[in-house]
């Protein structure tokens, strides 16, 4: 599948990416090469080949959920917020981000 300069311009516009005119043609060639590689991968026969790695059904080692510093467990709350730009009663103070 070949991508032309106009397609790159449209995709850049939709993605709100400002690309200079002289960069559109090289991007079209690069994206066409990537899609060609993907098409080549689609031709590989993987029938009967078991997956080597999966993100599903994997058991990760778990550690005990224990408090080691802070308000409980003998820690000092002053140390936890020592590098914060602004604190109040041992809590981080951050600007409001949702209106």
N, C-alpha and C. Protein backbone atom coordinates (compact mmCIF):
# COMPACT_ATOMS: atom_id res chain seq x y z
N UNK A 1 0.85 -1.18 0.00
CA UNK A 1 0.00 0.00 0.00
C UNK A 1 0.89 1.23 0.00
N UNK A 2 0.68 2.09 -0.95
CA UNK A 2 1.48 3.31 -1.04
C UNK A 2 0.70 4.48 -0.48
N UNK A 3 1.40 5.32 0.23
CA UNK A 3 0.80 6.54 0.78
C UNK A 3 1.38 7.71 0.02
N UNK A 4 0.50 8.61 -0.41
CA UNK A 4 0.98 9.78 -1.15
C UNK A 4 1.05 11.01 -0.24
N UNK A 5 1.58 12.06 -0.80
CA UNK A 5 1.80 13.31 -0.07
C UNK A 5 0.49 13.88 0.48
N UNK A 6 -0.59 13.77 -0.28
CA UNK A 6 -1.88 14.30 0.15
C UNK A 6 -2.44 13.53 1.35
N UNK A 7 -2.23 12.23 1.37
CA UNK A 7 -2.68 11.42 2.51
C UNK A 7 -1.92 11.81 3.77
N UNK A 8 -0.62 12.02 3.64
CA UNK A 8 0.19 12.44 4.79
C UNK A 8 -0.29 13.79 5.28
N UNK A 9 -0.58 14.71 4.36
CA UNK A 9 -1.07 16.03 4.74
C UNK A 9 -2.38 15.92 5.51
N UNK A 10 -3.30 15.05 5.02
CA UNK A 10 -4.60 14.88 5.68
C UNK A 10 -4.44 14.26 7.06
N UNK A 11 -3.61 13.21 7.17
CA UNK A 11 -3.40 12.56 8.47
C UNK A 11 -2.75 13.53 9.45
N UNK A 12 -1.78 14.30 8.98
CA UNK A 12 -1.13 15.28 9.86
C UNK A 12 -2.14 16.31 10.33
N UNK A 13 -3.02 16.74 9.45
CA UNK A 13 -4.05 17.71 9.84
C UNK A 13 -4.99 17.11 10.89
N UNK A 14 -5.45 15.88 10.65
CA UNK A 14 -6.36 15.23 11.59
C UNK A 14 -5.69 15.00 12.95
N UNK A 15 -4.38 14.73 12.94
CA UNK A 15 -3.65 14.48 14.19
C UNK A 15 -3.16 15.78 14.81
N UNK A 16 -3.47 16.89 14.16
CA UNK A 16 -3.04 18.23 14.64
C UNK A 16 -1.52 18.30 14.77
N UNK A 17 -0.83 17.75 13.75
CA UNK A 17 0.63 17.79 13.69
C UNK A 17 1.02 18.74 12.57
N UNK A 18 1.78 19.75 12.90
CA UNK A 18 2.22 20.71 11.90
C UNK A 18 3.49 20.19 11.23
N UNK A 19 3.38 19.85 9.95
CA UNK A 19 4.53 19.37 9.19
C UNK A 19 4.79 20.33 8.04
N UNK A 20 6.03 20.77 7.87
CA UNK A 20 6.33 21.65 6.73
C UNK A 20 6.16 20.91 5.41
N UNK A 21 5.88 21.65 4.37
CA UNK A 21 5.61 21.08 3.04
C UNK A 21 6.75 20.19 2.55
N UNK A 22 8.00 20.59 2.79
CA UNK A 22 9.14 19.81 2.30
C UNK A 22 9.31 18.49 3.05
N UNK A 23 8.64 18.31 4.15
CA UNK A 23 8.74 17.08 4.94
C UNK A 23 7.67 16.06 4.56
N UNK A 24 6.65 16.46 3.81
CA UNK A 24 5.54 15.57 3.50
C UNK A 24 5.95 14.40 2.60
N UNK A 25 6.73 14.68 1.56
CA UNK A 25 7.15 13.62 0.65
C UNK A 25 8.03 12.57 1.33
N UNK A 26 9.05 12.97 2.11
CA UNK A 26 9.84 11.95 2.83
C UNK A 26 9.00 11.14 3.81
N UNK A 27 8.02 11.80 4.47
CA UNK A 27 7.14 11.06 5.39
C UNK A 27 6.29 10.05 4.63
N UNK A 28 5.81 10.43 3.45
CA UNK A 28 5.00 9.51 2.65
C UNK A 28 5.81 8.28 2.29
N UNK A 29 7.08 8.45 1.89
CA UNK A 29 7.93 7.31 1.55
C UNK A 29 8.18 6.43 2.78
N UNK A 30 8.44 7.08 3.92
CA UNK A 30 8.70 6.33 5.14
C UNK A 30 7.49 5.53 5.59
N UNK A 31 6.31 6.15 5.56
CA UNK A 31 5.09 5.45 5.96
C UNK A 31 4.74 4.33 4.98
N UNK A 32 4.98 4.55 3.69
CA UNK A 32 4.74 3.50 2.71
C UNK A 32 5.66 2.31 2.97
N UNK A 33 6.90 2.57 3.34
CA UNK A 33 7.83 1.49 3.67
C UNK A 33 7.37 0.70 4.88
N UNK A 34 6.87 1.40 5.89
CA UNK A 34 6.38 0.73 7.10
C UNK A 34 5.18 -0.15 6.76
N UNK A 35 4.24 0.40 5.98
CA UNK A 35 3.06 -0.39 5.61
C UNK A 35 3.45 -1.58 4.73
N UNK A 36 4.45 -1.41 3.88
CA UNK A 36 4.93 -2.53 3.08
C UNK A 36 5.50 -3.63 3.94
N UNK A 37 6.21 -3.26 4.98
CA UNK A 37 6.77 -4.24 5.91
C UNK A 37 5.65 -4.98 6.64
N UNK A 38 4.61 -4.25 7.03
CA UNK A 38 3.48 -4.88 7.71
C UNK A 38 2.77 -5.85 6.76
N UNK A 39 2.61 -5.46 5.49
CA UNK A 39 2.00 -6.36 4.52
C UNK A 39 2.85 -7.62 4.35
N UNK A 40 4.16 -7.46 4.38
CA UNK A 40 5.05 -8.62 4.27
C UNK A 40 4.87 -9.54 5.47
N UNK A 41 4.69 -8.98 6.67
CA UNK A 41 4.45 -9.81 7.86
C UNK A 41 3.13 -10.56 7.77
N UNK A 42 2.13 -9.94 7.13
CA UNK A 42 0.84 -10.61 6.99
C UNK A 42 0.92 -11.85 6.10
N UNK A 43 1.95 -11.97 5.27
CA UNK A 43 2.11 -13.11 4.38
C UNK A 43 2.71 -14.33 5.08
N UNK A 44 3.24 -14.15 6.26
CA UNK A 44 3.89 -15.25 6.98
C UNK A 44 2.82 -16.23 7.48
N UNK A 45 3.06 -17.50 7.24
CA UNK A 45 2.13 -18.55 7.69
C UNK A 45 2.44 -18.87 9.16
N UNK A 46 1.52 -18.54 10.03
CA UNK A 46 1.70 -18.78 11.46
C UNK A 46 0.73 -19.84 11.98
N UNK A 47 0.12 -20.56 11.06
CA UNK A 47 -0.83 -21.60 11.45
C UNK A 47 -0.12 -22.66 12.29
N UNK A 48 -0.64 -22.93 13.48
CA UNK A 48 -0.08 -23.94 14.35
C UNK A 48 1.12 -23.48 15.16
N UNK A 49 1.51 -22.22 15.03
CA UNK A 49 2.64 -21.71 15.80
C UNK A 49 2.10 -21.11 17.09
N UNK A 50 2.61 -21.60 18.20
CA UNK A 50 2.15 -21.11 19.49
C UNK A 50 2.86 -19.81 19.84
N UNK A 51 2.14 -18.90 20.44
CA UNK A 51 2.71 -17.61 20.81
C UNK A 51 3.84 -17.79 21.82
N UNK A 52 4.89 -17.00 21.64
CA UNK A 52 6.04 -17.09 22.55
C UNK A 52 5.83 -16.24 23.81
N UNK A 53 5.06 -15.18 23.70
CA UNK A 53 4.84 -14.30 24.83
C UNK A 53 3.40 -13.81 24.78
N UNK A 54 2.84 -13.55 25.93
CA UNK A 54 1.46 -13.08 25.99
C UNK A 54 1.29 -12.18 27.20
N UNK A 55 0.40 -11.21 27.07
CA UNK A 55 0.08 -10.35 28.20
C UNK A 55 -1.16 -10.84 28.93
N UNK A 56 -1.75 -11.90 28.42
CA UNK A 56 -2.95 -12.46 29.01
C UNK A 56 -2.58 -13.74 29.74
N UNK A 57 -3.20 -13.97 30.86
CA UNK A 57 -3.01 -15.20 31.63
C UNK A 57 -1.57 -15.39 32.08
N UNK A 58 -0.94 -14.30 32.51
CA UNK A 58 0.42 -14.37 33.04
C UNK A 58 0.37 -14.01 34.52
N UNK A 59 0.94 -14.85 35.33
CA UNK A 59 0.97 -14.59 36.77
C UNK A 59 2.28 -13.90 37.13
N UNK A 60 2.19 -12.69 37.63
CA UNK A 60 3.38 -11.95 38.03
C UNK A 60 3.63 -12.15 39.51
N UNK A 61 4.89 -12.14 39.92
CA UNK A 61 5.16 -12.29 41.36
C UNK A 61 4.65 -11.07 42.11
N UNK A 62 4.03 -11.32 43.23
CA UNK A 62 3.46 -10.24 44.03
C UNK A 62 4.25 -10.09 45.32
N UNK A 63 4.41 -8.87 45.76
CA UNK A 63 5.06 -8.62 47.04
C UNK A 63 3.99 -8.26 48.06
N UNK A 64 4.34 -8.37 49.31
CA UNK A 64 3.41 -8.02 50.37
C UNK A 64 3.15 -6.52 50.33
N UNK A 65 1.91 -6.12 50.45
CA UNK A 65 1.53 -4.71 50.44
C UNK A 65 1.68 -4.17 51.85
N UNK A 66 2.85 -3.63 52.13
CA UNK A 66 3.12 -3.14 53.48
C UNK A 66 3.63 -1.70 53.41
N UNK A 67 3.16 -0.88 54.35
CA UNK A 67 3.60 0.50 54.43
C UNK A 67 4.99 0.51 55.05
N UNK A 68 5.94 1.18 54.40
CA UNK A 68 7.29 1.21 54.92
C UNK A 68 7.72 2.61 55.37
N UNK A 69 7.06 3.65 54.82
CA UNK A 69 7.39 5.01 55.24
C UNK A 69 6.11 5.84 55.26
N UNK A 70 6.18 6.99 55.87
CA UNK A 70 5.03 7.88 55.88
C UNK A 70 4.45 8.00 57.28
N UNK A 71 3.13 8.05 57.34
CA UNK A 71 2.46 8.32 58.61
C UNK A 71 2.44 7.13 59.55
N UNK A 72 2.46 5.92 58.99
CA UNK A 72 2.45 4.74 59.86
C UNK A 72 3.72 3.95 59.66
N UNK A 73 3.96 3.02 60.48
CA UNK A 73 5.12 2.16 60.32
C UNK A 73 6.40 2.79 60.81
N UNK A 74 6.32 3.84 61.62
CA UNK A 74 7.51 4.44 62.19
C UNK A 74 8.19 5.47 61.31
N UNK A 75 7.62 5.80 60.13
CA UNK A 75 8.22 6.78 59.24
C UNK A 75 7.99 8.20 59.73
N UNK A 76 8.64 9.12 59.08
CA UNK A 76 8.48 10.52 59.42
C UNK A 76 7.83 11.25 58.25
N UNK A 77 6.62 11.78 58.43
CA UNK A 77 5.91 12.43 57.32
C UNK A 77 6.67 13.63 56.76
N UNK A 78 7.50 14.27 57.54
CA UNK A 78 8.27 15.42 57.06
C UNK A 78 9.21 15.00 55.94
N UNK A 79 9.76 13.79 56.05
CA UNK A 79 10.68 13.30 55.03
C UNK A 79 9.96 13.00 53.71
N UNK A 80 8.70 12.59 53.80
CA UNK A 80 7.96 12.24 52.60
C UNK A 80 7.71 13.49 51.75
N UNK A 81 7.39 14.60 52.36
CA UNK A 81 7.06 15.82 51.61
C UNK A 81 8.21 16.82 51.61
N UNK A 82 9.39 16.39 51.97
CA UNK A 82 10.52 17.32 52.11
C UNK A 82 10.86 18.04 50.82
N UNK A 83 10.75 17.42 49.67
CA UNK A 83 11.12 18.05 48.41
C UNK A 83 9.95 18.66 47.65
N UNK A 84 8.77 18.63 48.24
CA UNK A 84 7.60 19.19 47.58
C UNK A 84 7.68 20.71 47.57
N UNK A 85 7.26 21.35 46.45
CA UNK A 85 7.31 22.80 46.40
C UNK A 85 6.35 23.46 47.38
N UNK A 86 5.20 22.80 47.64
CA UNK A 86 4.22 23.38 48.57
C UNK A 86 3.52 22.25 49.31
N UNK A 87 3.42 22.38 50.63
CA UNK A 87 2.74 21.37 51.45
C UNK A 87 1.84 22.06 52.46
N UNK A 88 0.93 21.26 53.01
CA UNK A 88 0.06 21.74 54.08
C UNK A 88 -0.31 20.55 54.95
N UNK A 89 0.02 20.60 56.22
CA UNK A 89 -0.25 19.51 57.17
C UNK A 89 0.26 18.17 56.66
N UNK A 90 1.48 18.14 56.13
CA UNK A 90 2.12 16.94 55.62
C UNK A 90 1.43 16.36 54.39
N UNK A 91 0.70 17.19 53.62
CA UNK A 91 0.09 16.78 52.36
C UNK A 91 0.69 17.62 51.24
N UNK A 92 0.73 17.06 50.03
CA UNK A 92 1.18 17.80 48.86
C UNK A 92 0.07 18.76 48.44
N UNK A 93 0.42 19.99 48.11
CA UNK A 93 -0.54 20.96 47.59
C UNK A 93 -0.26 21.11 46.10
N UNK A 94 -1.29 20.85 45.28
CA UNK A 94 -1.14 20.91 43.83
C UNK A 94 -2.21 21.84 43.26
N UNK A 95 -1.98 22.41 42.08
CA UNK A 95 -2.99 23.28 41.49
C UNK A 95 -4.20 22.47 41.01
N UNK A 96 -5.34 23.11 41.02
CA UNK A 96 -6.57 22.48 40.55
C UNK A 96 -6.47 22.31 39.04
N UNK A 97 -6.78 21.09 38.53
CA UNK A 97 -6.66 20.84 37.11
C UNK A 97 -8.02 20.53 36.45
N UNK A 98 -9.07 20.35 37.21
CA UNK A 98 -10.39 20.08 36.68
C UNK A 98 -11.31 21.20 37.12
N UNK A 99 -12.06 21.71 36.15
CA UNK A 99 -12.98 22.80 36.51
C UNK A 99 -14.41 22.35 36.46
